[in-house]
């Protein structure tokens, strides 16, 4: 398996309004396998991307991890959002990842 990114996100936890991600389940991409998931604050993901780290979304199908989309930061009205698209909507969006 080729390395997809520095880190992979497999699940999200939204705020009560379901517009802002509070936490994500992050896995290290080890190249030949995906590491175990770690509950991580959204702000850490934003800081890591700002510092050059890369993220993709992942989904498990038939016991195997599959690569989703690249994760980007989009700044809207001075606030940073993590998204798989580059739309300037005032909310986070990481595809349809499961919540936890």
PDB file of N, CA and C in Angstrom:
ATOM      1  N   UNK A   1       0.851  -1.182   0.000  1.00  0.00           N
ATOM      2  CA  UNK A   1       0.000   0.000   0.000  1.00  0.00           C
ATOM      3  C   UNK A   1       0.888   1.233   0.000  1.00  0.00           C
ATOM      4  N   UNK A   2       0.599   2.186  -0.854  1.00  0.00           N
ATOM      5  CA  UNK A   2       1.316   3.452  -0.862  1.00  0.00           C
ATOM      6  C   UNK A   2       0.791   4.355   0.243  1.00  0.00           C
ATOM      7  N   UNK A   3       1.662   5.209   0.749  1.00  0.00           N
ATOM      8  CA  UNK A   3       1.255   6.153   1.789  1.00  0.00           C
ATOM      9  C   UNK A   3       0.354   7.225   1.166  1.00  0.00           C
ATOM     10  N   UNK A   4      -0.823   7.439   1.780  1.00  0.00           N
ATOM     11  CA  UNK A   4      -1.777   8.420   1.267  1.00  0.00           C
ATOM     12  C   UNK A   4      -1.522   9.817   1.808  1.00  0.00           C
ATOM     13  N   UNK A   5      -1.106   9.908   3.075  1.00  0.00           N
ATOM     14  CA  UNK A   5      -0.929  11.192   3.746  1.00  0.00           C
ATOM     15  C   UNK A   5      -0.170  10.946   5.044  1.00  0.00           C
ATOM     16  N   UNK A   6       0.094  12.002   5.784  1.00  0.00           N
ATOM     17  CA  UNK A   6       0.706  11.831   7.100  1.00  0.00           C
ATOM     18  C   UNK A   6      -0.285  11.177   8.061  1.00  0.00           C
ATOM     19  N   UNK A   7      -1.549  11.630   7.975  1.00  0.00           N
ATOM     20  CA  UNK A   7      -2.596  11.156   8.887  1.00  0.00           C
ATOM     21  C   UNK A   7      -3.897  10.922   8.126  1.00  0.00           C
ATOM     22  N   UNK A   8      -4.729  10.057   8.677  1.00  0.00           N
ATOM     23  CA  UNK A   8      -6.033   9.738   8.097  1.00  0.00           C
ATOM     24  C   UNK A   8      -7.113   9.962   9.152  1.00  0.00           C
ATOM     25  N   UNK A   9      -8.272  10.431   8.715  1.00  0.00           N
ATOM     26  CA  UNK A   9      -9.405  10.669   9.618  1.00  0.00           C
ATOM     27  C   UNK A   9     -10.521   9.695   9.260  1.00  0.00           C
ATOM     28  N   UNK A  10     -10.979   8.930  10.270  1.00  0.00           N
ATOM     29  CA  UNK A  10     -11.992   7.906  10.011  1.00  0.00           C
ATOM     30  C   UNK A  10     -13.370   8.220  10.590  1.00  0.00           C
ATOM     31  N   UNK A  11     -13.451   9.164  11.545  1.00  0.00           N
ATOM     32  CA  UNK A  11     -14.736   9.482  12.177  1.00  0.00           C
ATOM     33  C   UNK A  11     -14.666  10.892  12.755  1.00  0.00           C
ATOM     34  N   UNK A  12     -15.834  11.480  12.984  1.00  0.00           N
ATOM     35  CA  UNK A  12     -15.905  12.855  13.490  1.00  0.00           C
ATOM     36  C   UNK A  12     -16.903  12.970  14.633  1.00  0.00           C
ATOM     37  N   UNK A  13     -16.706  13.998  15.450  1.00  0.00           N
ATOM     38  CA  UNK A  13     -17.677  14.344  16.492  1.00  0.00           C
ATOM     39  C   UNK A  13     -18.010  15.826  16.309  1.00  0.00           C
ATOM     40  N   UNK A  14     -19.284  16.100  16.019  1.00  0.00           N
ATOM     41  CA  UNK A  14     -19.748  17.465  15.779  1.00  0.00           C
ATOM     42  C   UNK A  14     -20.264  18.107  17.053  1.00  0.00           C
ATOM     43  N   UNK A  15     -20.385  19.444  17.013  1.00  0.00           N
ATOM     44  CA  UNK A  15     -21.024  20.179  18.103  1.00  0.00           C
ATOM     45  C   UNK A  15     -22.529  19.935  18.050  1.00  0.00           C
ATOM     46  N   UNK A  16     -23.259  20.518  18.977  1.00  0.00           N
ATOM     47  CA  UNK A  16     -24.711  20.293  19.070  1.00  0.00           C
ATOM     48  C   UNK A  16     -25.446  20.739  17.807  1.00  0.00           C
ATOM     49  N   UNK A  17     -24.946  21.776  17.120  1.00  0.00           N
ATOM     50  CA  UNK A  17     -25.577  22.269  15.892  1.00  0.00           C
ATOM     51  C   UNK A  17     -25.173  21.478  14.653  1.00  0.00           C
ATOM     52  N   UNK A  18     -24.210  20.569  14.816  1.00  0.00           N
ATOM     53  CA  UNK A  18     -23.675  19.763  13.733  1.00  0.00           C
ATOM     54  C   UNK A  18     -23.109  20.600  12.587  1.00  0.00           C
ATOM     55  N   UNK A  19     -22.495  21.751  12.928  1.00  0.00           N
ATOM     56  CA  UNK A  19     -21.844  22.587  11.929  1.00  0.00           C
ATOM     57  C   UNK A  19     -20.336  22.635  12.129  1.00  0.00           C
ATOM     58  N   UNK A  20     -19.890  22.410  13.352  1.00  0.00           N
ATOM     59  CA  UNK A  20     -18.461  22.476  13.649  1.00  0.00           C
ATOM     60  C   UNK A  20     -17.991  21.154  14.245  1.00  0.00           C
ATOM     61  N   UNK A  21     -16.936  20.646  13.668  1.00  0.00           N
ATOM     62  CA  UNK A  21     -16.336  19.427  14.196  1.00  0.00           C
ATOM     63  C   UNK A  21     -15.582  19.790  15.464  1.00  0.00           C
ATOM     64  N   UNK A  22     -15.790  19.028  16.518  1.00  0.00           N
ATOM     65  CA  UNK A  22     -15.069  19.247  17.767  1.00  0.00           C
ATOM     66  C   UNK A  22     -13.861  18.331  17.881  1.00  0.00           C
ATOM     67  N   UNK A  23     -14.031  17.074  17.461  1.00  0.00           N
ATOM     68  CA  UNK A  23     -12.962  16.073  17.582  1.00  0.00           C
ATOM     69  C   UNK A  23     -13.019  15.147  16.376  1.00  0.00           C
ATOM     70  N   UNK A  24     -11.900  14.513  16.089  1.00  0.00           N
ATOM     71  CA  UNK A  24     -11.835  13.543  15.002  1.00  0.00           C
ATOM     72  C   UNK A  24     -11.048  12.323  15.463  1.00  0.00           C
ATOM     73  N   UNK A  25     -11.287  11.201  14.818  1.00  0.00           N
ATOM     74  CA  UNK A  25     -10.499  10.003  15.080  1.00  0.00           C
ATOM     75  C   UNK A  25      -9.395   9.961  14.025  1.00  0.00           C
ATOM     76  N   UNK A  26      -8.142  10.134  14.480  1.00  0.00           N
ATOM     77  CA  UNK A  26      -6.990  10.241  13.587  1.00  0.00           C
ATOM     78  C   UNK A  26      -6.139   8.981  13.669  1.00  0.00           C
ATOM     79  N   UNK A  27      -5.703   8.521  12.510  1.00  0.00           N
ATOM     80  CA  UNK A  27      -4.823   7.362  12.386  1.00  0.00           C
ATOM     81  C   UNK A  27      -3.558   7.810  11.670  1.00  0.00           C
ATOM     82  N   UNK A  28      -2.415   7.334  12.116  1.00  0.00           N
ATOM     83  CA  UNK A  28      -1.183   7.620  11.394  1.00  0.00           C
ATOM     84  C   UNK A  28      -1.114   6.708  10.171  1.00  0.00           C
ATOM     85  N   UNK A  29      -0.741   7.287   9.028  1.00  0.00           N
ATOM     86  CA  UNK A  29      -0.537   6.509   7.813  1.00  0.00           C
ATOM     87  C   UNK A  29       0.902   6.011   7.844  1.00  0.00           C
ATOM     88  N   UNK A  30       1.073   4.717   8.055  1.00  0.00           N
ATOM     89  CA  UNK A  30       2.404   4.123   8.203  1.00  0.00           C
ATOM     90  C   UNK A  30       2.952   3.582   6.883  1.00  0.00           C
ATOM     91  N   UNK A  31       2.258   3.845   5.796  1.00  0.00           N
ATOM     92  CA  UNK A  31       2.712   3.391   4.490  1.00  0.00           C
ATOM     93  C   UNK A  31       2.199   2.012   4.150  1.00  0.00           C
ATOM     94  N   UNK A  32       2.583   1.012   4.929  1.00  0.00           N
ATOM     95  CA  UNK A  32       2.132  -0.349   4.651  1.00  0.00           C
ATOM     96  C   UNK A  32       0.888  -0.719   5.449  1.00  0.00           C
ATOM     97  N   UNK A  33       0.498   0.166   6.380  1.00  0.00           N
ATOM     98  CA  UNK A  33      -0.732  -0.058   7.151  1.00  0.00           C
ATOM     99  C   UNK A  33      -1.183   1.254   7.784  1.00  0.00           C
ATOM    100  N   UNK A  34      -2.401   1.228   8.307  1.00  0.00           N
ATOM    101  CA  UNK A  34      -2.982   2.386   8.988  1.00  0.00           C
ATOM    102  C   UNK A  34      -2.914   2.125  10.485  1.00  0.00           C
ATOM    103  N   UNK A  35      -2.357   3.084  11.239  1.00  0.00           N
ATOM    104  CA  UNK A  35      -2.233   2.928  12.687  1.00  0.00           C
ATOM    105  C   UNK A  35      -3.585   2.991  13.385  1.00  0.00           C
ATOM    106  N   UNK A  36      -3.581   2.673  14.665  1.00  0.00           N
ATOM    107  CA  UNK A  36      -4.800   2.727  15.474  1.00  0.00           C
ATOM    108  C   UNK A  36      -5.328   4.141  15.598  1.00  0.00           C
ATOM    109  N   UNK A  37      -6.630   4.285  15.782  1.00  0.00           N
ATOM    110  CA  UNK A  37      -7.269   5.594  15.861  1.00  0.00           C
ATOM    111  C   UNK A  37      -7.057   6.273  17.200  1.00  0.00           C
ATOM    112  N   UNK A  38      -6.867   7.581  17.162  1.00  0.00           N
ATOM    113  CA  UNK A  38      -6.671   8.379  18.366  1.00  0.00           C
ATOM    114  C   UNK A  38      -7.643   9.550  18.344  1.00  0.00           C
ATOM    115  N   UNK A  39      -8.382   9.728  19.430  1.00  0.00           N
ATOM    116  CA  UNK A  39      -9.306  10.850  19.579  1.00  0.00           C
ATOM    117  C   UNK A  39      -8.490  12.143  19.640  1.00  0.00           C
ATOM    118  N   UNK A  40      -8.742  13.070  18.699  1.00  0.00           N
ATOM    119  CA  UNK A  40      -7.912  14.261  18.547  1.00  0.00           C
ATOM    120  C   UNK A  40      -8.779  15.506  18.414  1.00  0.00           C
ATOM    121  N   UNK A  41      -8.362  16.585  19.063  1.00  0.00           N
ATOM    122  CA  UNK A  41      -9.080  17.853  18.945  1.00  0.00           C
ATOM    123  C   UNK A  41      -8.922  18.425  17.547  1.00  0.00           C
ATOM    124  N   UNK A  42      -9.969  19.024  17.056  1.00  0.00           N
ATOM    125  CA  UNK A  42      -9.991  19.645  15.731  1.00  0.00           C
ATOM    126  C   UNK A  42      -8.860  20.656  15.565  1.00  0.00           C
ATOM    127  N   UNK A  43      -8.589  21.426  16.623  1.00  0.00           N
ATOM    128  CA  UNK A  43      -7.558  22.467  16.558  1.00  0.00           C
ATOM    129  C   UNK A  43      -6.177  21.888  16.254  1.00  0.00           C
ATOM    130  N   UNK A  44      -5.936  20.661  16.707  1.00  0.00           N
ATOM    131  CA  UNK A  44      -4.650  20.011  16.424  1.00  0.00           C
ATOM    132  C   UNK A  44      -4.543  19.699  14.932  1.00  0.00           C
ATOM    133  N   UNK A  45      -5.635  19.254  14.340  1.00  0.00           N
ATOM    134  CA  UNK A  45      -5.644  18.981  12.898  1.00  0.00           C
ATOM    135  C   UNK A  45      -5.371  20.271  12.129  1.00  0.00           C
ATOM    136  N   UNK A  46      -6.044  21.351  12.497  1.00  0.00           N
ATOM    137  CA  UNK A  46      -5.842  22.646  11.826  1.00  0.00           C
ATOM    138  C   UNK A  46      -4.382  23.078  11.945  1.00  0.00           C
ATOM    139  N   UNK A  47      -3.819  23.012  13.152  1.00  0.00           N
ATOM    140  CA  UNK A  47      -2.425  23.415  13.355  1.00  0.00           C
ATOM    141  C   UNK A  47      -1.473  22.539  12.543  1.00  0.00           C
ATOM    142  N   UNK A  48      -1.733  21.233  12.512  1.00  0.00           N
ATOM    143  CA  UNK A  48      -0.871  20.339  11.739  1.00  0.00           C
ATOM    144  C   UNK A  48      -0.917  20.657  10.249  1.00  0.00           C
ATOM    145  N   UNK A  49      -2.102  20.900   9.712  1.00  0.00           N
ATOM    146  CA  UNK A  49      -2.215  21.254   8.289  1.00  0.00           C
ATOM    147  C   UNK A  49      -1.502  22.573   8.029  1.00  0.00           C
ATOM    148  N   UNK A  50      -1.674  23.541   8.922  1.00  0.00           N
ATOM    149  CA  UNK A  50      -0.967  24.819   8.789  1.00  0.00           C
ATOM    150  C   UNK A  50       0.548  24.624   8.780  1.00  0.00           C
ATOM    151  N   UNK A  51       1.025  23.579   9.456  1.00  0.00           N
ATOM    152  CA  UNK A  51       2.458  23.301   9.540  1.00  0.00           C
ATOM    153  C   UNK A  51       2.933  22.292   8.497  1.00  0.00           C
ATOM    154  N   UNK A  52       2.100  22.032   7.486  1.00  0.00           N
ATOM    155  CA  UNK A  52       2.538  21.216   6.358  1.00  0.00           C
ATOM    156  C   UNK A  52       2.195  19.746   6.411  1.00  0.00           C
ATOM    157  N   UNK A  53       1.527  19.279   7.470  1.00  0.00           N
ATOM    158  CA  UNK A  53       1.121  17.870   7.534  1.00  0.00           C
ATOM    159  C   UNK A  53      -0.079  17.663   6.608  1.00  0.00           C
ATOM    160  N   UNK A  54      -0.218  16.447   6.096  1.00  0.00           N
ATOM    161  CA  UNK A  54      -1.324  16.154   5.191  1.00  0.00           C
ATOM    162  C   UNK A  54      -2.287  15.160   5.836  1.00  0.00           C
ATOM    163  N   UNK A  55      -3.558  15.310   5.478  1.00  0.00           N
ATOM    164  CA  UNK A  55      -4.631  14.458   5.993  1.00  0.00           C
ATOM    165  C   UNK A  55      -5.521  14.023   4.833  1.00  0.00           C
ATOM    166  N   UNK A  56      -6.054  12.814   4.951  1.00  0.00           N
ATOM    167  CA  UNK A  56      -7.103  12.322   4.059  1.00  0.00           C
ATOM    168  C   UNK A  56      -8.174  11.669   4.920  1.00  0.00           C
ATOM    169  N   UNK A  57      -9.355  11.528   4.360  1.00  0.00           N
ATOM    170  CA  UNK A  57     -10.392  10.756   5.035  1.00  0.00           C
ATOM    171  C   UNK A  57     -10.232   9.294   4.610  1.00  0.00           C
ATOM    172  N   UNK A  58     -10.665   8.393   5.497  1.00  0.00           N
ATOM    173  CA  UNK A  58     -10.634   6.958   5.188  1.00  0.00           C
ATOM    174  C   UNK A  58     -11.942   6.319   5.655  1.00  0.00           C
ATOM    175  N   UNK A  59     -12.290   5.240   4.987  1.00  0.00           N
ATOM    176  CA  UNK A  59     -13.459   4.439   5.366  1.00  0.00           C
ATOM    177  C   UNK A  59     -13.072   2.976   5.281  1.00  0.00           C
ATOM    178  N   UNK A  60     -13.608   2.198   6.198  1.00  0.00           N
ATOM    179  CA  UNK A  60     -13.327   0.760   6.191  1.00  0.00           C
ATOM    180  C   UNK A  60     -14.449   0.040   5.459  1.00  0.00           C
ATOM    181  N   UNK A  61     -14.056  -0.791   4.500  1.00  0.00           N
ATOM    182  CA  UNK A  61     -15.021  -1.576   3.732  1.00  0.00           C
ATOM    183  C   UNK A  61     -14.462  -2.981   3.606  1.00  0.00           C
ATOM    184  N   UNK A  62     -15.263  -3.953   4.018  1.00  0.00           N
ATOM    185  CA  UNK A  62     -14.870  -5.366   3.971  1.00  0.00           C
ATOM    186  C   UNK A  62     -13.530  -5.586   4.672  1.00  0.00           C
ATOM    187  N   UNK A  63     -13.355  -4.914   5.817  1.00  0.00           N
ATOM    188  CA  UNK A  63     -12.169  -5.088   6.638  1.00  0.00           C
ATOM    189  C   UNK A  63     -10.921  -4.379   6.145  1.00  0.00           C
ATOM    190  N   UNK A  64     -11.043  -3.567   5.095  1.00  0.00           N
ATOM    191  CA  UNK A  64      -9.885  -2.899   4.509  1.00  0.00           C
ATOM    192  C   UNK A  64     -10.134  -1.391   4.451  1.00  0.00           C
ATOM    193  N   UNK A  65      -9.101  -0.604   4.811  1.00  0.00           N
ATOM    194  CA  UNK A  65      -9.212   0.852   4.734  1.00  0.00           C
ATOM    195  C   UNK A  65      -9.149   1.301   3.278  1.00  0.00           C
ATOM    196  N   UNK A  66     -10.034   2.237   2.943  1.00  0.00           N
ATOM    197  CA  UNK A  66     -10.058   2.831   1.614  1.00  0.00           C
ATOM    198  C   UNK A  66      -9.867   4.327   1.726  1.00  0.00           C
ATOM    199  N   UNK A  67      -9.045   4.873   0.847  1.00  0.00           N
ATOM    200  CA  UNK A  67      -8.770   6.307   0.840  1.00  0.00           C
ATOM    201  C   UNK A  67      -9.995   7.078   0.380  1.00  0.00           C
ATOM    202  N   UNK A  68     -10.258   8.178   1.084  1.00  0.00           N
ATOM    203  CA  UNK A  68     -11.332   9.080   0.694  1.00  0.00           C
ATOM    204  C   UNK A  68     -10.751  10.304   0.012  1.00  0.00           C
ATOM    205  N   UNK A  69     -11.040  11.474   0.572  1.00  0.00           N
ATOM    206  CA  UNK A  69     -10.633  12.746  -0.020  1.00  0.00           C
ATOM    207  C   UNK A  69      -9.549  13.423   0.809  1.00  0.00           C
ATOM    208  N   UNK A  70      -8.793  14.304   0.156  1.00  0.00           N
ATOM    209  CA  UNK A  70      -7.823  15.138   0.865  1.00  0.00           C
ATOM    210  C   UNK A  70      -8.558  16.123   1.762  1.00  0.00           C
ATOM    211  N   UNK A  71      -7.979  16.420   2.915  1.00  0.00           N
ATOM    212  CA  UNK A  71      -8.566  17.371   3.858  1.00  0.00           C
ATOM    213  C   UNK A  71      -7.823  18.698   3.727  1.00  0.00           C
ATOM    214  N   UNK A  72      -8.598  19.779   3.600  1.00  0.00           N
ATOM    215  CA  UNK A  72      -8.053  21.127   3.430  1.00  0.00           C
ATOM    216  C   UNK A  72      -8.573  22.045   4.525  1.00  0.00           C
ATOM    217  N   UNK A  73      -7.922  23.184   4.681  1.00  0.00           N
ATOM    218  CA  UNK A  73      -8.433  24.246   5.538  1.00  0.00           C
ATOM    219  C   UNK A  73      -9.018  25.318   4.635  1.00  0.00           C
ATOM    220  N   UNK A  74     -10.219  25.766   4.969  1.00  0.00           N
ATOM    221  CA  UNK A  74     -10.852  26.873   4.283  1.00  0.00           C
ATOM    222  C   UNK A  74     -11.139  27.930   5.341  1.00  0.00           C
ATOM    223  N   UNK A  75     -10.686  29.156   5.092  1.00  0.00           N
ATOM    224  CA  UNK A  75     -10.922  30.254   6.040  1.00  0.00           C
ATOM    225  C   UNK A  75     -12.100  31.088   5.556  1.00  0.00           C
ATOM    226  N   UNK A  76     -13.112  31.222   6.415  1.00  0.00           N
ATOM    227  CA  UNK A  76     -14.300  32.004   6.109  1.00  0.00           C
ATOM    228  C   UNK A  76     -14.528  32.971   7.255  1.00  0.00           C
ATOM    229  N   UNK A  77     -14.543  34.263   6.931  1.00  0.00           N
ATOM    230  CA  UNK A  77     -14.763  35.313   7.935  1.00  0.00           C
ATOM    231  C   UNK A  77     -13.781  35.167   9.099  1.00  0.00           C
ATOM    232  N   UNK A  78     -12.531  34.844   8.778  1.00  0.00           N
ATOM    233  CA  UNK A  78     -11.480  34.756   9.786  1.00  0.00           C
ATOM    234  C   UNK A  78     -11.430  33.468  10.586  1.00  0.00           C
ATOM    235  N   UNK A  79     -12.340  32.547  10.341  1.00  0.00           N
ATOM    236  CA  UNK A  79     -12.355  31.280  11.068  1.00  0.00           C
ATOM    237  C   UNK A  79     -11.961  30.147  10.128  1.00  0.00           C
ATOM    238  N   UNK A  80     -11.141  29.227  10.629  1.00  0.00           N
ATOM    239  CA  UNK A  80     -10.670  28.111   9.822  1.00  0.00           C
ATOM    240  C   UNK A  80     -11.575  26.898   9.992  1.00  0.00           C
ATOM    241  N   UNK A  81     -11.928  26.300   8.850  1.00  0.00           N
ATOM    242  CA  UNK A  81     -12.762  25.104   8.819  1.00  0.00           C
ATOM    243  C   UNK A  81     -11.994  24.000   8.110  1.00  0.00           C
ATOM    244  N   UNK A  82     -12.208  22.752   8.542  1.00  0.00           N
ATOM    245  CA  UNK A  82     -11.599  21.628   7.843  1.00  0.00           C
ATOM    246  C   UNK A  82     -12.662  21.016   6.930  1.00  0.00           C
ATOM    247  N   UNK A  83     -12.244  20.827   5.670  1.00  0.00           N
ATOM    248  CA  UNK A  83     -13.197  20.399   4.649  1.00  0.00           C
ATOM    249  C   UNK A  83     -12.515  19.492   3.638  1.00  0.00           C
ATOM    250  N   UNK A  84     -13.308  18.667   2.971  1.00  0.00           N
ATOM    251  CA  UNK A  84     -12.792  17.868   1.868  1.00  0.00           C
ATOM    252  C   UNK A  84     -13.022  18.572   0.540  1.00  0.00           C
ATOM    253  N   UNK A  85     -13.815  19.623   0.554  1.00  0.00           N
ATOM    254  CA  UNK A  85     -13.977  20.445  -0.643  1.00  0.00           C
ATOM    255  C   UNK A  85     -13.452  21.835  -0.302  1.00  0.00           C
ATOM    256  N   UNK A  86     -13.475  22.728  -1.236  1.00  0.00           N
ATOM    257  CA  UNK A  86     -12.938  24.070  -0.965  1.00  0.00           C
ATOM    258  C   UNK A  86     -14.048  25.120  -0.960  1.00  0.00           C
ATOM    259  N   UNK A  87     -15.288  24.671  -0.716  1.00  0.00           N
ATOM    260  CA  UNK A  87     -16.405  25.613  -0.628  1.00  0.00           C
ATOM    261  C   UNK A  87     -16.227  26.532   0.563  1.00  0.00           C
ATOM    262  N   UNK A  88     -16.650  27.762   0.428  1.00  0.00           N
ATOM    263  CA  UNK A  88     -16.512  28.754   1.495  1.00  0.00           C
ATOM    264  C   UNK A  88     -17.759  28.790   2.377  1.00  0.00           C
ATOM    265  N   UNK A  89     -18.255  27.627   2.755  1.00  0.00           N
ATOM    266  CA  UNK A  89     -19.402  27.560   3.652  1.00  0.00           C
ATOM    267  C   UNK A  89     -18.928  27.686   5.093  1.00  0.00           C
ATOM    268  N   UNK A  90     -19.761  28.257   5.938  1.00  0.00           N
ATOM    269  CA  UNK A  90     -19.407  28.488   7.338  1.00  0.00           C
ATOM    270  C   UNK A  90     -19.702  27.224   8.144  1.00  0.00           C
ATOM    271  N   UNK A  91     -18.963  26.162   7.841  1.00  0.00           N
ATOM    272  CA  UNK A  91     -19.090  24.906   8.569  1.00  0.00           C
ATOM    273  C   UNK A  91     -17.984  23.956   8.137  1.00  0.00           C
ATOM    274  N   UNK A  92     -17.703  22.999   9.009  1.00  0.00           N
ATOM    275  CA  UNK A  92     -16.762  21.943   8.676  1.00  0.00           C
ATOM    276  C   UNK A  92     -17.477  20.902   7.823  1.00  0.00           C
ATOM    277  N   UNK A  93     -16.698  20.182   6.989  1.00  0.00           N
ATOM    278  CA  UNK A  93     -17.283  19.131   6.170  1.00  0.00           C
ATOM    279  C   UNK A  93     -16.209  18.107   5.839  1.00  0.00           C
ATOM    280  N   UNK A  94     -16.338  16.916   6.366  1.00  0.00           N
ATOM    281  CA  UNK A  94     -15.439  15.822   6.026  1.00  0.00           C
ATOM    282  C   UNK A  94     -16.242  14.673   5.452  1.00  0.00           C
ATOM    283  N   UNK A  95     -16.808  14.915   4.280  1.00  0.00           N
ATOM    284  CA  UNK A  95     -17.627  13.922   3.582  1.00  0.00           C
ATOM    285  C   UNK A  95     -18.754  13.464   4.489  1.00  0.00           C
ATOM    286  N   UNK A  96     -19.020  12.196   4.420  1.00  0.00           N
ATOM    287  CA  UNK A  96     -20.064  11.591   5.254  1.00  0.00           C
ATOM    288  C   UNK A  96     -19.433  10.584   6.202  1.00  0.00           C
ATOM    289  N   UNK A  97     -18.382  11.011   6.882  1.00  0.00           N
ATOM    290  CA  UNK A  97     -17.728  10.102   7.817  1.00  0.00           C
ATOM    291  C   UNK A  97     -18.658   9.781   8.977  1.00  0.00           C
ATOM    292  N   UNK A  98     -18.535   8.594   9.537  1.00  0.00           N
ATOM    293  CA  UNK A  98     -19.368   8.261  10.693  1.00  0.00           C
ATOM    294  C   UNK A  98     -19.037   9.146  11.888  1.00  0.00           C
ATOM    295  N   UNK A  99     -20.015   9.326  12.755  1.00  0.00           N
ATOM    296  CA  UNK A  99     -19.791  10.097  13.968  1.00  0.00           C
ATOM    297  C   UNK A  99     -19.505   9.132  15.118  1.00  0.00           C
ATOM    298  N   UNK A 100     -18.883   9.654  16.159  1.00  0.00           N
ATOM    299  CA  UNK A 100     -18.610   8.838  17.339  1.00  0.00           C
ATOM    300  C   UNK A 100     -18.834   9.661  18.582  1.00  0.00           C
TER     301      UNK A 100
END
